[in-house]
Amino acid sequence: MLDVTAASSSFHAKLALQKSTTSSETAMAAGNKPSQAAAPQKRRHKFNPKRDPKPQVLAQANRTVLRMASVVVVAFIVVVVAVQAFW
């Protein structure tokens, strides 16, 4: 009776081992890494013209960026000229 119980427990251990490896084998067979098998996929961005910024807003933003960049460049040139004059 002890031999049957020992054989039965080893059979159940082997069966549990097989079940644990089959999920990783199926993930590998599908071409995924085991860590990526359960990872949720990213949702695809849907194009919605009503939510996208309008061309007028983008043009205004571009003008604002150009104005600020020109102010920074002019201020840098003024500082360089002032340092040269007083040095």
PDB file of N, CA and C in Angstrom:
ATOM      1  N   MET A   1       0.812  -1.183   0.000  1.00  0.00           N
ATOM      2  CA  MET A   1       0.000   0.000   0.000  1.00  0.00           C
ATOM      3  C   MET A   1       0.865   1.261   0.000  1.00  0.00           C
ATOM      4  N   LEU A   2       1.990   1.243   0.690  1.00  0.00           N
ATOM      5  CA  LEU A   2       2.873   2.395   0.720  1.00  0.00           C
ATOM      6  C   LEU A   2       3.466   2.671  -0.649  1.00  0.00           C
ATOM      7  N   ASP A   3       3.762   1.620  -1.411  1.00  0.00           N
ATOM      8  CA  ASP A   3       4.336   1.822  -2.739  1.00  0.00           C
ATOM      9  C   ASP A   3       3.338   2.499  -3.672  1.00  0.00           C
ATOM     10  N   VAL A   4       2.082   2.166  -3.578  1.00  0.00           N
ATOM     11  CA  VAL A   4       1.045   2.769  -4.416  1.00  0.00           C
ATOM     12  C   VAL A   4       0.884   4.245  -4.069  1.00  0.00           C
ATOM     13  N   THR A   5       0.916   4.552  -2.782  1.00  0.00           N
ATOM     14  CA  THR A   5       0.780   5.942  -2.355  1.00  0.00           C
ATOM     15  C   THR A   5       1.974   6.761  -2.814  1.00  0.00           C
ATOM     16  N   ALA A   6       3.180   6.224  -2.700  1.00  0.00           N
ATOM     17  CA  ALA A   6       4.379   6.929  -3.144  1.00  0.00           C
ATOM     18  C   ALA A   6       4.347   7.119  -4.650  1.00  0.00           C
ATOM     19  N   ALA A   7       3.919   6.087  -5.373  1.00  0.00           N
ATOM     20  CA  ALA A   7       3.834   6.197  -6.834  1.00  0.00           C
ATOM     21  C   ALA A   7       2.771   7.209  -7.225  1.00  0.00           C
ATOM     22  N   SER A   8       1.669   7.227  -6.497  1.00  0.00           N
ATOM     23  CA  SER A   8       0.588   8.152  -6.789  1.00  0.00           C
ATOM     24  C   SER A   8       1.025   9.593  -6.540  1.00  0.00           C
ATOM     25  N   SER A   9       1.758   9.831  -5.446  1.00  0.00           N
ATOM     26  CA  SER A   9       2.203  11.194  -5.143  1.00  0.00           C
ATOM     27  C   SER A   9       3.238  11.662  -6.154  1.00  0.00           C
ATOM     28  N   SER A  10       4.112  10.745  -6.606  1.00  0.00           N
ATOM     29  CA  SER A  10       5.084  11.156  -7.615  1.00  0.00           C
ATOM     30  C   SER A  10       4.399  11.429  -8.950  1.00  0.00           C
ATOM     31  N   PHE A  11       3.333  10.664  -9.241  1.00  0.00           N
ATOM     32  CA  PHE A  11       2.580  10.900 -10.468  1.00  0.00           C
ATOM     33  C   PHE A  11       1.919  12.276 -10.432  1.00  0.00           C
ATOM     34  N   HIS A  12       1.336  12.628  -9.273  1.00  0.00           N
ATOM     35  CA  HIS A  12       0.700  13.934  -9.150  1.00  0.00           C
ATOM     36  C   HIS A  12       1.727  15.065  -9.220  1.00  0.00           C
ATOM     37  N   ALA A  13       2.907  14.826  -8.686  1.00  0.00           N
ATOM     38  CA  ALA A  13       3.957  15.842  -8.761  1.00  0.00           C
ATOM     39  C   ALA A  13       4.392  16.058 -10.203  1.00  0.00           C
ATOM     40  N   LYS A  14       4.528  14.950 -10.956  1.00  0.00           N
ATOM     41  CA  LYS A  14       4.903  15.077 -12.362  1.00  0.00           C
ATOM     42  C   LYS A  14       3.798  15.773 -13.158  1.00  0.00           C
ATOM     43  N   LEU A  15       2.542  15.450 -12.842  1.00  0.00           N
ATOM     44  CA  LEU A  15       1.427  16.065 -13.527  1.00  0.00           C
ATOM     45  C   LEU A  15       1.386  17.566 -13.259  1.00  0.00           C
ATOM     46  N   ALA A  16       1.635  17.979 -12.031  1.00  0.00           N
ATOM     47  CA  ALA A  16       1.659  19.397 -11.682  1.00  0.00           C
ATOM     48  C   ALA A  16       2.808  20.098 -12.390  1.00  0.00           C
ATOM     49  N   LEU A  17       3.940  19.419 -12.514  1.00  0.00           N
ATOM     50  CA  LEU A  17       5.086  19.988 -13.213  1.00  0.00           C
ATOM     51  C   LEU A  17       4.765  20.168 -14.683  1.00  0.00           C
ATOM     52  N   GLN A  18       4.094  19.214 -15.285  1.00  0.00           N
ATOM     53  CA  GLN A  18       3.719  19.328 -16.688  1.00  0.00           C
ATOM     54  C   GLN A  18       2.750  20.481 -16.904  1.00  0.00           C
ATOM     55  N   LYS A  19       1.797  20.653 -16.011  1.00  0.00           N
ATOM     56  CA  LYS A  19       0.836  21.742 -16.159  1.00  0.00           C
ATOM     57  C   LYS A  19       1.521  23.093 -16.045  1.00  0.00           C
ATOM     58  N   SER A  20       2.508  23.201 -15.174  1.00  0.00           N
ATOM     59  CA  SER A  20       3.196  24.485 -15.017  1.00  0.00           C
ATOM     60  C   SER A  20       4.068  24.798 -16.214  1.00  0.00           C
ATOM     61  N   THR A  21       4.616  23.796 -16.885  1.00  0.00           N
ATOM     62  CA  THR A  21       5.473  24.064 -18.035  1.00  0.00           C
ATOM     63  C   THR A  21       4.681  24.239 -19.315  1.00  0.00           C
ATOM     64  N   THR A  22       3.475  23.713 -19.387  1.00  0.00           N
ATOM     65  CA  THR A  22       2.731  23.838 -20.637  1.00  0.00           C
ATOM     66  C   THR A  22       2.309  25.275 -20.905  1.00  0.00           C
ATOM     67  N   SER A  23       2.019  26.064 -19.876  1.00  0.00           N
ATOM     68  CA  SER A  23       1.636  27.448 -20.120  1.00  0.00           C
ATOM     69  C   SER A  23       2.809  28.250 -20.660  1.00  0.00           C
ATOM     70  N   SER A  24       4.015  27.985 -20.164  1.00  0.00           N
ATOM     71  CA  SER A  24       5.170  28.705 -20.696  1.00  0.00           C
ATOM     72  C   SER A  24       5.551  28.190 -22.072  1.00  0.00           C
ATOM     73  N   GLU A  25       5.315  26.890 -22.320  1.00  0.00           N
ATOM     74  CA  GLU A  25       5.614  26.355 -23.646  1.00  0.00           C
ATOM     75  C   GLU A  25       4.663  26.920 -24.685  1.00  0.00           C
ATOM     76  N   THR A  26       3.404  27.089 -24.328  1.00  0.00           N
ATOM     77  CA  THR A  26       2.472  27.654 -25.300  1.00  0.00           C
ATOM     78  C   THR A  26       2.804  29.113 -25.562  1.00  0.00           C
ATOM     79  N   ALA A  27       3.279  29.819 -24.548  1.00  0.00           N
ATOM     80  CA  ALA A  27       3.683  31.204 -24.761  1.00  0.00           C
ATOM     81  C   ALA A  27       4.905  31.258 -25.662  1.00  0.00           C
ATOM     82  N   MET A  28       5.821  30.341 -25.479  1.00  0.00           N
ATOM     83  CA  MET A  28       7.010  30.305 -26.319  1.00  0.00           C
ATOM     84  C   MET A  28       6.644  29.907 -27.742  1.00  0.00           C
ATOM     85  N   ALA A  29       5.690  28.975 -27.881  1.00  0.00           N
ATOM     86  CA  ALA A  29       5.282  28.536 -29.210  1.00  0.00           C
ATOM     87  C   ALA A  29       4.580  29.661 -29.957  1.00  0.00           C
ATOM     88  N   ALA A  30       3.925  30.534 -29.243  1.00  0.00           N
ATOM     89  CA  ALA A  30       3.246  31.647 -29.882  1.00  0.00           C
ATOM     90  C   ALA A  30       4.213  32.750 -30.278  1.00  0.00           C
ATOM     91  N   GLY A  31       5.477  32.630 -29.921  1.00  0.00           N
ATOM     92  CA  GLY A  31       6.473  33.631 -30.284  1.00  0.00           C
ATOM     93  C   GLY A  31       6.652  34.709 -29.243  1.00  0.00           C
ATOM     94  N   ASN A  32       6.014  34.593 -28.110  1.00  0.00           N
ATOM     95  CA  ASN A  32       6.138  35.582 -27.036  1.00  0.00           C
ATOM     96  C   ASN A  32       7.098  35.074 -25.979  1.00  0.00           C
ATOM     97  N   LYS A  33       7.706  36.018 -25.317  1.00  0.00           N
ATOM     98  CA  LYS A  33       8.503  35.661 -24.160  1.00  0.00           C
ATOM     99  C   LYS A  33       7.544  35.342 -23.021  1.00  0.00           C
ATOM    100  N   PRO A  34       7.938  34.483 -22.083  1.00  0.00           N
ATOM    101  CA  PRO A  34       7.017  34.146 -20.988  1.00  0.00           C
ATOM    102  C   PRO A  34       6.575  35.360 -20.188  1.00  0.00           C
ATOM    103  N   SER A  35       7.438  36.362 -20.051  1.00  0.00           N
ATOM    104  CA  SER A  35       7.048  37.531 -19.269  1.00  0.00           C
ATOM    105  C   SER A  35       6.055  38.396 -20.033  1.00  0.00           C
ATOM    106  N   GLN A  36       6.046  38.287 -21.359  1.00  0.00           N
ATOM    107  CA  GLN A  36       5.140  39.096 -22.154  1.00  0.00           C
ATOM    108  C   GLN A  36       3.815  38.395 -22.435  1.00  0.00           C
ATOM    109  N   ALA A  37       3.699  37.147 -22.058  1.00  0.00           N
ATOM    110  CA  ALA A  37       2.499  36.383 -22.400  1.00  0.00           C
ATOM    111  C   ALA A  37       1.255  36.981 -21.760  1.00  0.00           C
ATOM    112  N   ALA A  38       1.356  37.459 -20.536  1.00  0.00           N
ATOM    113  CA  ALA A  38       0.192  37.982 -19.838  1.00  0.00           C
ATOM    114  C   ALA A  38       0.136  39.509 -19.875  1.00  0.00           C
ATOM    115  N   ALA A  39       1.079  40.158 -20.550  1.00  0.00           N
ATOM    116  CA  ALA A  39       1.110  41.615 -20.583  1.00  0.00           C
ATOM    117  C   ALA A  39      -0.020  42.133 -21.474  1.00  0.00           C
ATOM    118  N   PRO A  40      -0.757  43.137 -21.021  1.00  0.00           N
ATOM    119  CA  PRO A  40      -1.831  43.681 -21.862  1.00  0.00           C
ATOM    120  C   PRO A  40      -1.250  44.453 -23.042  1.00  0.00           C
ATOM    121  N   GLN A  41      -1.947  44.400 -24.148  1.00  0.00           N
ATOM    122  CA  GLN A  41      -1.476  45.097 -25.334  1.00  0.00           C
ATOM    123  C   GLN A  41      -1.886  46.554 -25.270  1.00  0.00           C
ATOM    124  N   LYS A  42      -1.067  47.430 -25.887  1.00  0.00           N
ATOM    125  CA  LYS A  42      -1.391  48.844 -25.907  1.00  0.00           C
ATOM    126  C   LYS A  42      -2.545  49.086 -26.880  1.00  0.00           C
ATOM    127  N   ARG A  43      -3.386  50.034 -26.527  1.00  0.00           N
ATOM    128  CA  ARG A  43      -4.489  50.374 -27.409  1.00  0.00           C
ATOM    129  C   ARG A  43      -3.993  51.255 -28.542  1.00  0.00           C
ATOM    130  N   ARG A  44      -4.535  51.049 -29.705  1.00  0.00           N
ATOM    131  CA  ARG A  44      -4.135  51.815 -30.872  1.00  0.00           C
ATOM    132  C   ARG A  44      -4.803  53.184 -30.846  1.00  0.00           C
ATOM    133  N   HIS A  45      -4.041  54.209 -31.194  1.00  0.00           N
ATOM    134  CA  HIS A  45      -4.575  55.567 -31.226  1.00  0.00           C
ATOM    135  C   HIS A  45      -5.524  55.698 -32.405  1.00  0.00           C
ATOM    136  N   LYS A  46      -6.719  56.149 -32.122  1.00  0.00           N
ATOM    137  CA  LYS A  46      -7.700  56.344 -33.185  1.00  0.00           C
ATOM    138  C   LYS A  46      -7.656  57.798 -33.639  1.00  0.00           C
ATOM    139  N   PHE A  47      -7.727  57.998 -34.937  1.00  0.00           N
ATOM    140  CA  PHE A  47      -7.711  59.346 -35.501  1.00  0.00           C
ATOM    141  C   PHE A  47      -9.075  59.982 -35.327  1.00  0.00           C
ATOM    142  N   ASN A  48      -9.115  61.126 -34.670  1.00  0.00           N
ATOM    143  CA  ASN A  48     -10.356  61.862 -34.486  1.00  0.00           C
ATOM    144  C   ASN A  48     -10.089  63.315 -34.853  1.00  0.00           C
ATOM    145  N   PRO A  49     -10.570  63.773 -36.004  1.00  0.00           N
ATOM    146  CA  PRO A  49     -10.254  65.147 -36.441  1.00  0.00           C
ATOM    147  C   PRO A  49     -10.796  66.221 -35.513  1.00  0.00           C
ATOM    148  N   LYS A  50     -11.841  65.928 -34.750  1.00  0.00           N
ATOM    149  CA  LYS A  50     -12.382  66.942 -33.845  1.00  0.00           C
ATOM    150  C   LYS A  50     -11.485  67.170 -32.639  1.00  0.00           C
ATOM    151  N   ARG A  51     -10.706  66.168 -32.280  1.00  0.00           N
ATOM    152  CA  ARG A  51      -9.831  66.310 -31.099  1.00  0.00           C
ATOM    153  C   ARG A  51      -8.445  66.813 -31.448  1.00  0.00           C
ATOM    154  N   ASP A  52      -8.052  66.720 -32.689  1.00  0.00           N
ATOM    155  CA  ASP A  52      -6.728  67.191 -33.090  1.00  0.00           C
ATOM    156  C   ASP A  52      -6.696  68.720 -33.095  1.00  0.00           C
ATOM    157  N   PRO A  53      -5.517  69.313 -32.815  1.00  0.00           N
ATOM    158  CA  PRO A  53      -5.442  70.775 -32.832  1.00  0.00           C
ATOM    159  C   PRO A  53      -5.664  71.317 -34.243  1.00  0.00           C
ATOM    160  N   LYS A  54      -6.323  72.430 -34.322  1.00  0.00           N
ATOM    161  CA  LYS A  54      -6.629  73.024 -35.622  1.00  0.00           C
ATOM    162  C   LYS A  54      -5.392  73.707 -36.180  1.00  0.00           C
ATOM    163  N   PRO A  55      -5.292  73.829 -37.500  1.00  0.00           N
ATOM    164  CA  PRO A  55      -4.109  74.454 -38.117  1.00  0.00           C
ATOM    165  C   PRO A  55      -3.875  75.883 -37.636  1.00  0.00           C
ATOM    166  N   GLN A  56      -4.938  76.616 -37.334  1.00  0.00           N
ATOM    167  CA  GLN A  56      -4.752  77.991 -36.850  1.00  0.00           C
ATOM    168  C   GLN A  56      -4.048  78.004 -35.498  1.00  0.00           C
ATOM    169  N   VAL A  57      -4.400  77.070 -34.642  1.00  0.00           N
ATOM    170  CA  VAL A  57      -3.772  76.986 -33.323  1.00  0.00           C
ATOM    171  C   VAL A  57      -2.305  76.611 -33.470  1.00  0.00           C
ATOM    172  N   LEU A  58      -2.017  75.669 -34.379  1.00  0.00           N
ATOM    173  CA  LEU A  58      -0.625  75.271 -34.590  1.00  0.00           C
ATOM    174  C   LEU A  58       0.194  76.425 -35.162  1.00  0.00           C
ATOM    175  N   ALA A  59      -0.381  77.199 -36.069  1.00  0.00           N
ATOM    176  CA  ALA A  59       0.337  78.342 -36.647  1.00  0.00           C
ATOM    177  C   ALA A  59       0.624  79.392 -35.577  1.00  0.00           C
ATOM    178  N   GLN A  60      -0.345  79.619 -34.706  1.00  0.00           N
ATOM    179  CA  GLN A  60      -0.136  80.591 -33.629  1.00  0.00           C
ATOM    180  C   GLN A  60       0.946  80.104 -32.668  1.00  0.00           C
ATOM    181  N   ALA A  61       0.951  78.823 -32.378  1.00  0.00           N
ATOM    182  CA  ALA A  61       1.982  78.274 -31.496  1.00  0.00           C
ATOM    183  C   ALA A  61       3.359  78.396 -32.144  1.00  0.00           C
ATOM    184  N   ASN A  62       3.436  78.151 -33.447  1.00  0.00           N
ATOM    185  CA  ASN A  62       4.720  78.287 -34.147  1.00  0.00           C
ATOM    186  C   ASN A  62       5.206  79.731 -34.095  1.00  0.00           C
ATOM    187  N   ARG A  63       4.298  80.692 -34.295  1.00  0.00           N
ATOM    188  CA  ARG A  63       4.700  82.103 -34.233  1.00  0.00           C
ATOM    189  C   ARG A  63       5.184  82.463 -32.832  1.00  0.00           C
ATOM    190  N   THR A  64       4.518  81.959 -31.817  1.00  0.00           N
ATOM    191  CA  THR A  64       4.923  82.249 -30.437  1.00  0.00           C
ATOM    192  C   THR A  64       6.302  81.677 -30.148  1.00  0.00           C
ATOM    193  N   VAL A  65       6.554  80.460 -30.604  1.00  0.00           N
ATOM    194  CA  VAL A  65       7.863  79.841 -30.387  1.00  0.00           C
ATOM    195  C   VAL A  65       8.943  80.622 -31.108  1.00  0.00           C
ATOM    196  N   LEU A  66       8.680  81.052 -32.331  1.00  0.00           N
ATOM    197  CA  LEU A  66       9.675  81.837 -33.070  1.00  0.00           C
ATOM    198  C   LEU A  66       9.958  83.176 -32.401  1.00  0.00           C
ATOM    199  N   ARG A  67       8.918  83.823 -31.882  1.00  0.00           N
ATOM    200  CA  ARG A  67       9.125  85.100 -31.187  1.00  0.00           C
ATOM    201  C   ARG A  67       9.975  84.917 -29.932  1.00  0.00           C
ATOM    202  N   MET A  68       9.674  83.901 -29.156  1.00  0.00           N
ATOM    203  CA  MET A  68      10.442  83.665 -27.925  1.00  0.00           C
ATOM    204  C   MET A  68      11.896  83.297 -28.246  1.00  0.00           C
ATOM    205  N   ALA A  69      12.088  82.506 -29.285  1.00  0.00           N
ATOM    206  CA  ALA A  69      13.456  82.137 -29.669  1.00  0.00           C
ATOM    207  C   ALA A  69      14.228  83.361 -30.132  1.00  0.00           C
ATOM    208  N   SER A  70      13.568  84.243 -30.876  1.00  0.00           N
ATOM    209  CA  SER A  70      14.263  85.444 -31.334  1.00  0.00           C
ATOM    210  C   SER A  70      14.596  86.369 -30.165  1.00  0.00           C
ATOM    211  N   VAL A  71      13.706  86.458 -29.171  1.00  0.00           N
ATOM    212  CA  VAL A  71      13.987  87.274 -27.979  1.00  0.00           C
ATOM    213  C   VAL A  71      15.195  86.720 -27.234  1.00  0.00           C
ATOM    214  N   VAL A  72      15.290  85.417 -27.109  1.00  0.00           N
ATOM    215  CA  VAL A  72      16.424  84.799 -26.415  1.00  0.00           C
ATOM    216  C   VAL A  72      17.720  85.063 -27.180  1.00  0.00           C
ATOM    217  N   VAL A  73      17.697  84.935 -28.495  1.00  0.00           N
ATOM    218  CA  VAL A  73      18.912  85.163 -29.298  1.00  0.00           C
ATOM    219  C   VAL A  73      19.345  86.623 -29.204  1.00  0.00           C
ATOM    220  N   VAL A  74      18.394  87.540 -29.310  1.00  0.00           N
ATOM    221  CA  VAL A  74      18.737  88.967 -29.219  1.00  0.00           C
ATOM    222  C   VAL A  74      19.289  89.294 -27.838  1.00  0.00           C
ATOM    223  N   ALA A  75      18.698  88.747 -26.780  1.00  0.00           N
ATOM    224  CA  ALA A  75      19.205  89.000 -25.436  1.00  0.00           C
ATOM    225  C   ALA A  75      20.612  88.449 -25.273  1.00  0.00           C
ATOM    226  N   PHE A  76      20.888  87.289 -25.846  1.00  0.00           N
ATOM    227  CA  PHE A  76      22.236  86.725 -25.769  1.00  0.00           C
ATOM    228  C   PHE A  76      23.246  87.621 -26.490  1.00  0.00           C
ATOM    229  N   ILE A  77      22.868  88.121 -27.663  1.00  0.00           N
ATOM    230  CA  ILE A  77      23.783  89.007 -28.408  1.00  0.00           C
ATOM    231  C   ILE A  77      24.023  90.299 -27.635  1.00  0.00           C
ATOM    232  N   VAL A  78      22.982  90.851 -27.001  1.00  0.00           N
ATOM    233  CA  VAL A  78      23.138  92.066 -26.195  1.00  0.00           C
ATOM    234  C   VAL A  78      24.093  91.813 -25.036  1.00  0.00           C
ATOM    235  N   VAL A  79      23.973  90.689 -24.382  1.00  0.00           N
ATOM    236  CA  VAL A  79      24.864  90.374 -23.257  1.00  0.00           C
ATOM    237  C   VAL A  79      26.294  90.216 -23.750  1.00  0.00           C
ATOM    238  N   VAL A  80      26.494  89.545 -24.858  1.00  0.00           N
ATOM    239  CA  VAL A  80      27.850  89.361 -25.386  1.00  0.00           C
ATOM    240  C   VAL A  80      28.461  90.704 -25.762  1.00  0.00           C
ATOM    241  N   VAL A  81      27.709  91.573 -26.408  1.00  0.00           N
ATOM    242  CA  VAL A  81      28.223  92.894 -26.794  1.00  0.00           C
ATOM    243  C   VAL A  81      28.514  93.723 -25.553  1.00  0.00           C
ATOM    244  N   ALA A  82      27.659  93.662 -24.547  1.00  0.00           N
ATOM    245  CA  ALA A  82      27.878  94.427 -23.321  1.00  0.00           C
ATOM    246  C   ALA A  82      29.133  93.948 -22.606  1.00  0.00           C
ATOM    247  N   VAL A  83      29.338  92.653 -22.551  1.00  0.00           N
ATOM    248  CA  VAL A  83      30.544  92.112 -21.902  1.00  0.00           C
ATOM    249  C   VAL A  83      31.781  92.546 -22.680  1.00  0.00           C
ATOM    250  N   GLN A  84      31.709  92.520 -23.995  1.00  0.00           N
ATOM    251  CA  GLN A  84      32.863  92.942 -24.824  1.00  0.00           C
ATOM    252  C   GLN A  84      33.160  94.443 -24.615  1.00  0.00           C
ATOM    253  N   ALA A  85      32.109  95.244 -24.492  1.00  0.00           N
ATOM    254  CA  ALA A  85      32.305  96.687 -24.347  1.00  0.00           C
ATOM    255  C   ALA A  85      32.911  97.050 -22.989  1.00  0.00           C
ATOM    256  N   PHE A  86      32.478  96.375 -21.949  1.00  0.00           N
ATOM    257  CA  PHE A  86      32.968  96.720 -20.620  1.00  0.00           C
ATOM    258  C   PHE A  86      34.173  95.910 -20.182  1.00  0.00           C
ATOM    259  N   TRP A  87      34.618  94.980 -20.914  1.00  0.00           N
ATOM    260  CA  TRP A  87      35.744  94.143 -20.502  1.00  0.00           C
ATOM    261  C   TRP A  87      37.016  94.828 -20.718  1.00  0.00           C
TER     262      TRP A  87
END
